[in-house]
Structures are given as structure tokens and as C-alpha cells.
Amino acid sequence: MSQPPIFIASVFFKVVAWALIVAVVVLVGIIIIFGHVTTLDLCGTLISAVIVAYIVHLWIYYSRGEEE
């Protein structure tokens, strides 16, 4: 029985790069608008971006029909 992979590094690293770029841009926007952001918000946003990137990488992989 061949199980499909639950982590595809090539897809994940591309998605996590974009997710972190978006997260940093949003954080910079928040800092510009409000003047500050707490360390907890910063860490939570970056951790959430990685979690969302993992979910999106699975979504992309399975929507392609497991071609790779």
C-alpha cells in the first residue's frame, strides 16, 4: 500500500516563502497604522503563517491530482 505523502518539501517551501512575505507585509502595515505591535502578536502571526502554509501546500498538492 502506497500512502500519499503528508509533506511535500518542494511545494511547502514555495508556499511558506509567500506566506511569510505576506505576513511581514501585513505586520509592517499594522506597525505603520498603529505604531506598534506586541511580541506575542508578532510570534503568533509568524507561527500562524507557517501553519496556514502547510495547509495550503496540501491543498495545492492534492488539487494538482498528485502528479509530482
C-alpha atoms as a PDB file:
ATOM      1  CA  MET A   1       0.000   0.000   0.000  1.00  0.00           C
ATOM      2  CA  SER A   2       1.449   3.272  -1.105  1.00  0.00           C
ATOM      3  CA  GLN A   3       0.367   6.142   1.108  1.00  0.00           C
ATOM      4  CA  PRO A   4       0.448   9.651  -0.361  1.00  0.00           C
ATOM      5  CA  PRO A   5       2.976  11.926   1.337  1.00  0.00           C
ATOM      6  CA  ILE A   6       1.808  14.343   4.014  1.00  0.00           C
ATOM      7  CA  PHE A   7       4.749  16.695   3.466  1.00  0.00           C
ATOM      8  CA  ILE A   8       5.999  17.734   0.053  1.00  0.00           C
ATOM      9  CA  ALA A   9       9.087  19.850   0.641  1.00  0.00           C
ATOM     10  CA  SER A  10       9.314  21.451  -2.810  1.00  0.00           C
ATOM     11  CA  VAL A  11       5.745  22.748  -2.634  1.00  0.00           C
ATOM     12  CA  PHE A  12       5.899  23.654   1.061  1.00  0.00           C
ATOM     13  CA  PHE A  13       8.990  25.848   0.801  1.00  0.00           C
ATOM     14  CA  LYS A  14       7.495  27.859  -2.059  1.00  0.00           C
ATOM     15  CA  VAL A  15       4.227  28.345  -0.183  1.00  0.00           C
ATOM     16  CA  VAL A  16       5.889  29.183   3.148  1.00  0.00           C
ATOM     17  CA  ALA A  17       8.065  31.794   1.433  1.00  0.00           C
ATOM     18  CA  TRP A  18       4.977  33.549   0.056  1.00  0.00           C
ATOM     19  CA  ALA A  19       3.066  33.188   3.324  1.00  0.00           C
ATOM     20  CA  LEU A  20       5.897  34.764   5.326  1.00  0.00           C
ATOM     21  CA  ILE A  21       6.247  37.598   2.811  1.00  0.00           C
ATOM     22  CA  VAL A  22       2.532  38.337   3.100  1.00  0.00           C
ATOM     23  CA  ALA A  23       2.683  38.102   6.910  1.00  0.00           C
ATOM     24  CA  VAL A  24       5.622  40.512   7.112  1.00  0.00           C
ATOM     25  CA  VAL A  25       3.935  42.992   4.755  1.00  0.00           C
ATOM     26  CA  VAL A  26       0.772  42.877   6.862  1.00  0.00           C
ATOM     27  CA  LEU A  27       2.771  43.331  10.070  1.00  0.00           C
ATOM     28  CA  VAL A  28       4.610  46.320   8.580  1.00  0.00           C
ATOM     29  CA  GLY A  29       1.250  47.791   7.571  1.00  0.00           C
ATOM     30  CA  ILE A  30      -0.073  47.310  11.101  1.00  0.00           C
ATOM     31  CA  ILE A  31       3.023  48.959  12.548  1.00  0.00           C
ATOM     32  CA  ILE A  32       2.642  51.899  10.156  1.00  0.00           C
ATOM     33  CA  ILE A  33      -1.043  52.305  11.023  1.00  0.00           C
ATOM     34  CA  PHE A  34      -0.952  51.709  14.775  1.00  0.00           C
ATOM     35  CA  GLY A  35       2.683  52.469  15.609  1.00  0.00           C
ATOM     36  CA  HIS A  36       3.485  49.238  17.458  1.00  0.00           C
ATOM     37  CA  VAL A  37       2.804  45.522  17.684  1.00  0.00           C
ATOM     38  CA  THR A  38       3.386  43.264  20.675  1.00  0.00           C
ATOM     39  CA  THR A  39       5.911  40.445  20.625  1.00  0.00           C
ATOM     40  CA  LEU A  40       3.095  37.967  21.194  1.00  0.00           C
ATOM     41  CA  ASP A  41       1.258  39.255  18.096  1.00  0.00           C
ATOM     42  CA  LEU A  42       4.442  39.081  16.058  1.00  0.00           C
ATOM     43  CA  CYS A  43       5.230  35.493  17.069  1.00  0.00           C
ATOM     44  CA  GLY A  44       1.624  34.386  16.697  1.00  0.00           C
ATOM     45  CA  THR A  45       1.383  35.832  13.204  1.00  0.00           C
ATOM     46  CA  LEU A  46       4.580  34.155  12.044  1.00  0.00           C
ATOM     47  CA  ILE A  47       3.626  30.776  13.551  1.00  0.00           C
ATOM     48  CA  SER A  48       0.144  31.021  12.045  1.00  0.00           C
ATOM     49  CA  ALA A  49       1.642  31.833   8.651  1.00  0.00           C
ATOM     50  CA  VAL A  50       3.650  28.604   8.728  1.00  0.00           C
ATOM     51  CA  ILE A  51       0.583  26.573   9.752  1.00  0.00           C
ATOM     52  CA  VAL A  52      -1.525  28.140   7.004  1.00  0.00           C
ATOM     53  CA  ALA A  53       1.309  27.500   4.521  1.00  0.00           C
ATOM     54  CA  TYR A  54       1.289  23.792   5.440  1.00  0.00           C
ATOM     55  CA  ILE A  55      -2.456  23.558   4.864  1.00  0.00           C
ATOM     56  CA  VAL A  56      -2.213  25.463   1.566  1.00  0.00           C
ATOM     57  CA  HIS A  57       0.652  23.253   0.358  1.00  0.00           C
ATOM     58  CA  LEU A  58      -1.500  20.169   0.912  1.00  0.00           C
ATOM     59  CA  TRP A  59      -4.389  21.850  -0.877  1.00  0.00           C
ATOM     60  CA  ILE A  60      -2.160  22.710  -3.852  1.00  0.00           C
ATOM     61  CA  TYR A  61      -0.655  19.222  -3.982  1.00  0.00           C
ATOM     62  CA  TYR A  62      -3.976  17.407  -3.911  1.00  0.00           C
ATOM     63  CA  SER A  63      -5.659  19.830  -6.311  1.00  0.00           C
ATOM     64  CA  ARG A  64      -2.961  19.043  -8.885  1.00  0.00           C
ATOM     65  CA  GLY A  65      -4.014  15.411  -8.815  1.00  0.00           C
ATOM     66  CA  GLU A  66      -0.808  14.146  -7.153  1.00  0.00           C
ATOM     67  CA  GLU A  67       1.176  14.487 -10.377  1.00  0.00           C
ATOM     68  CA  GLU A  68       4.552  15.016  -8.729  1.00  0.00           C
END
